[in-house]
Amino acid sequence: MGILHVFSAVKNGYVNSIKKPWYLFRPGIHNYFVAAEETMKKGILPRIFAYAGSVSIQRTWRADGTDVNRKVRMTDLSGIGTALKDGWVINFPQGTTKVQAKGRRGVTILVKKYNPIVIPIVIEGFREAFDKSGLRLRRKDVKLSIRFKEPLILDPSENGDSMLAKIMEAIEQNDYYFNLGKDKVTTE
């Protein structure tokens, strides 16, 4: 949700600052984010965020803390397509906030189906500064940053594994960035 906060700040002229967040009363209304359906039903705050602009999906790989293996709901894909037609969609290709989590192929399905502009965003310091909910401050001395990179050039006809590797490298979430000295992980 912090990224929506940043988008609203920049839209209203606040650069490198989130002080005096009056802009939250005029949020950007054409920003959506993909979120797990089960997560958006836990508590009042996720429900408010869901109302504000989530495209809820059913995870195919995890449900209520256990591993599952289920098919993609086609209504989830069409919901993301509708959001893309209306504005920007924020997708977390790992499906979790954990650092170095495996990228999920769902993001490649979206690129192949809708061919959107893909802008990698690198978020640094959030996990160290806040708890898992993102609401409680754990440490004050952490520098937070969000870097927007150049759009990726992705060919919808490209192999999904290769495409996912490019995306994960662009958001600096592959083995190369965490195991310096080892070879980059790439797939052919």
Protein backbone atom coordinates (compact mmCIF):
# COMPACT_ATOMS: atom_id res chain seq x y z
CA MET A 1 0.00 0.00 0.00
CA GLY A 2 3.01 2.22 0.46
CA ILE A 3 3.45 2.42 -3.29
CA LEU A 4 -0.05 3.94 -3.69
CA HIS A 5 1.01 6.45 -1.04
CA VAL A 6 4.08 7.33 -3.15
CA PHE A 7 2.03 7.61 -6.38
CA SER A 8 -0.40 10.01 -4.68
CA ALA A 9 2.47 12.04 -3.22
CA VAL A 10 4.20 12.47 -6.59
CA LYS A 11 0.92 13.22 -8.38
CA ASN A 12 0.34 16.07 -5.94
CA GLY A 13 3.84 17.56 -6.18
CA TYR A 14 5.54 15.91 -3.20
CA VAL A 15 8.88 14.52 -4.35
CA ASN A 16 11.18 12.75 -1.88
CA SER A 17 8.77 13.53 0.95
CA ILE A 18 5.61 12.16 2.47
CA LYS A 19 5.27 14.83 5.15
CA LYS A 20 1.86 16.44 5.60
CA PRO A 21 0.03 13.84 3.50
CA TRP A 22 -3.03 15.96 2.63
CA TYR A 23 -2.83 14.44 -0.83
CA LEU A 24 -4.26 11.20 0.56
CA PHE A 25 -7.65 12.93 0.38
CA ARG A 26 -7.11 13.20 -3.42
CA PRO A 27 -5.66 9.82 -4.33
CA GLY A 28 -4.92 8.72 -7.87
CA ILE A 29 -8.05 6.79 -8.75
CA HIS A 30 -6.66 4.89 -11.71
CA ASN A 31 -4.10 2.81 -9.81
CA TYR A 32 -4.89 -0.81 -9.06
CA PHE A 33 -2.92 -3.55 -7.41
CA VAL A 34 -3.16 -7.31 -7.66
CA ALA A 35 -3.70 -8.94 -4.27
CA ALA A 36 -4.56 -12.36 -2.94
CA GLU A 37 -8.26 -12.68 -2.24
CA GLU A 38 -7.64 -14.30 1.16
CA THR A 39 -5.33 -11.47 2.24
CA MET A 40 -7.86 -8.79 1.37
CA LYS A 41 -10.44 -10.36 3.70
CA LYS A 42 -8.23 -10.26 6.82
CA GLY A 43 -9.16 -7.28 8.93
CA ILE A 44 -10.63 -3.86 8.33
CA LEU A 45 -7.56 -2.21 6.77
CA PRO A 46 -7.13 -4.79 3.97
CA ARG A 47 -10.87 -4.49 3.26
CA ILE A 48 -10.50 -0.72 2.89
CA PHE A 49 -7.52 -1.23 0.55
CA ALA A 50 -9.53 -3.79 -1.42
CA TYR A 51 -12.32 -1.27 -1.82
CA ALA A 52 -9.83 1.43 -2.83
CA GLY A 53 -8.37 -0.43 -5.77
CA SER A 54 -7.37 -4.04 -5.51
CA VAL A 55 -7.93 -6.65 -8.16
CA SER A 56 -8.37 -9.70 -5.95
CA ILE A 57 -7.19 -13.03 -7.28
CA GLN A 58 -7.24 -16.58 -6.01
CA ARG A 59 -3.67 -17.81 -5.61
CA THR A 60 -2.96 -21.02 -7.50
CA TRP A 61 -0.02 -22.03 -5.30
CA ARG A 62 -0.95 -21.12 -1.71
CA ALA A 63 -4.11 -20.80 0.37
CA ASP A 64 -4.38 -19.98 4.08
CA GLY A 65 -0.73 -20.80 4.71
CA THR A 66 -0.65 -24.18 2.97
CA ASP A 67 0.59 -25.18 -0.46
CA VAL A 68 -2.08 -25.92 -3.05
CA ASN A 69 -2.19 -26.66 -6.76
CA ARG A 70 -5.23 -25.22 -8.49
CA LYS A 71 -6.09 -23.77 -11.86
CA VAL A 72 -6.18 -20.08 -12.65
CA ARG A 73 -9.65 -18.54 -12.46
CA MET A 74 -10.27 -16.89 -15.80
CA THR A 75 -12.35 -14.17 -14.10
CA ASP A 76 -9.19 -13.14 -12.25
CA LEU A 77 -7.38 -12.58 -15.56
CA SER A 78 -10.27 -10.65 -17.05
CA GLY A 79 -10.45 -8.48 -13.90
CA ILE A 80 -6.80 -7.56 -14.34
CA GLY A 81 -7.46 -6.86 -18.03
CA THR A 82 -10.29 -4.50 -17.10
CA ALA A 83 -8.02 -2.67 -14.64
CA LEU A 84 -5.30 -2.37 -17.29
CA LYS A 85 -7.76 -0.73 -19.68
CA ASP A 86 -8.65 1.82 -17.00
CA GLY A 87 -5.23 2.66 -15.58
CA TRP A 88 -2.05 1.29 -14.02
CA VAL A 89 -1.87 -2.13 -12.39
CA ILE A 90 0.74 -2.87 -9.74
CA ASN A 91 1.69 -6.53 -9.67
CA PHE A 92 4.12 -8.21 -7.29
CA PRO A 93 5.57 -11.06 -9.36
CA GLN A 94 6.59 -13.01 -6.26
CA GLY A 95 3.10 -13.04 -4.77
CA THR A 96 4.56 -12.27 -1.33
CA THR A 97 6.59 -9.64 0.50
CA LYS A 98 9.42 -12.04 1.30
CA VAL A 99 12.80 -11.13 -0.19
CA GLN A 100 14.15 -13.60 -2.72
CA ALA A 101 10.87 -15.49 -3.03
CA LYS A 102 10.41 -17.36 -6.29
CA GLY A 103 8.78 -15.37 -9.08
CA ARG A 104 5.36 -16.62 -10.17
CA ARG A 105 4.52 -17.31 -13.80
CA GLY A 106 1.18 -15.52 -13.56
CA VAL A 107 2.90 -12.25 -14.38
CA THR A 108 4.12 -13.74 -17.68
CA ILE A 109 0.58 -14.88 -18.51
CA LEU A 110 -0.56 -11.27 -18.08
CA VAL A 111 2.22 -9.96 -20.34
CA LYS A 112 1.43 -12.55 -23.01
CA LYS A 113 -2.32 -11.85 -22.89
CA TYR A 114 -2.40 -8.04 -22.56
CA ASN A 115 1.10 -6.86 -23.63
CA PRO A 116 1.18 -3.99 -21.08
CA ILE A 117 3.99 -1.53 -20.44
CA VAL A 118 6.09 -3.16 -17.71
CA ILE A 119 7.92 -0.74 -15.42
CA PRO A 120 10.13 -2.47 -12.85
CA ILE A 121 10.05 -0.92 -9.39
CA VAL A 122 12.67 -1.67 -6.74
CA ILE A 123 11.56 -1.09 -3.16
CA GLU A 124 14.35 -1.02 -0.59
CA GLY A 125 14.25 -0.90 3.19
CA PHE A 126 10.54 -1.55 3.66
CA ARG A 127 10.94 -5.03 5.09
CA GLU A 128 13.61 -3.84 7.55
CA ALA A 129 11.64 -0.77 8.66
CA PHE A 130 8.14 -2.23 9.04
CA ASP A 131 6.52 -5.43 10.26
CA LYS A 132 4.81 -7.84 7.87
CA SER A 133 1.56 -5.83 7.95
CA GLY A 134 3.43 -2.67 6.94
CA LEU A 135 1.78 -0.73 9.74
CA ARG A 136 4.15 -1.07 12.69
CA LEU A 137 7.53 0.56 12.60
CA ARG A 138 10.27 -1.89 13.58
CA ARG A 139 13.29 0.38 13.07
CA LYS A 140 13.55 4.13 12.54
CA ASP A 141 17.08 4.26 11.15
CA VAL A 142 16.30 2.48 7.87
CA LYS A 143 16.51 4.41 4.62
CA LEU A 144 13.46 3.71 2.48
CA SER A 145 13.58 4.11 -1.26
CA ILE A 146 11.51 3.32 -4.30
CA ARG A 147 13.26 3.32 -7.68
CA PHE A 148 11.33 3.30 -10.94
CA LYS A 149 13.39 1.76 -13.73
CA GLU A 150 13.12 2.05 -17.49
CA PRO A 151 10.26 0.06 -19.04
CA LEU A 152 11.14 -3.51 -19.99
CA ILE A 153 10.95 -4.59 -23.59
CA LEU A 154 9.14 -7.94 -23.43
CA ASP A 155 7.97 -9.93 -26.41
CA PRO A 156 4.65 -11.70 -25.71
CA SER A 157 5.82 -14.62 -27.87
CA GLU A 158 8.91 -15.09 -25.65
CA ASN A 159 9.33 -18.17 -23.46
CA GLY A 160 7.65 -17.60 -20.06
CA ASP A 161 10.68 -18.74 -18.01
CA SER A 162 12.97 -16.37 -19.91
CA MET A 163 10.50 -13.52 -19.49
CA LEU A 164 10.17 -14.19 -15.76
CA ALA A 165 13.96 -14.23 -15.37
CA LYS A 166 14.16 -10.79 -17.03
CA ILE A 167 11.46 -9.41 -14.75
CA MET A 168 13.07 -10.81 -11.60
CA GLU A 169 16.46 -9.42 -12.59
CA ALA A 170 14.92 -6.02 -13.32
CA ILE A 171 13.40 -5.83 -9.83
CA GLU A 172 16.69 -7.07 -8.37
CA GLN A 173 15.17 -10.22 -6.93
CA ASN A 174 17.34 -12.96 -8.35
CA ASP A 175 20.33 -14.82 -6.96
CA TYR A 176 22.81 -12.42 -8.56
CA TYR A 177 21.93 -9.55 -6.25
CA PHE A 178 22.03 -11.61 -3.06
CA ASN A 179 24.89 -14.00 -3.81
CA LEU A 180 27.49 -11.73 -5.36
CA GLY A 181 30.34 -13.78 -6.68
CA LYS A 182 28.07 -16.50 -8.06
CA ASP A 183 26.94 -16.49 -11.66
CA LYS A 184 23.68 -14.77 -12.62
CA VAL A 185 20.68 -17.03 -12.81
CA THR A 186 19.35 -17.05 -16.34
CA THR A 187 17.16 -19.42 -18.26
CA GLU A 188 17.37 -20.13 -21.96
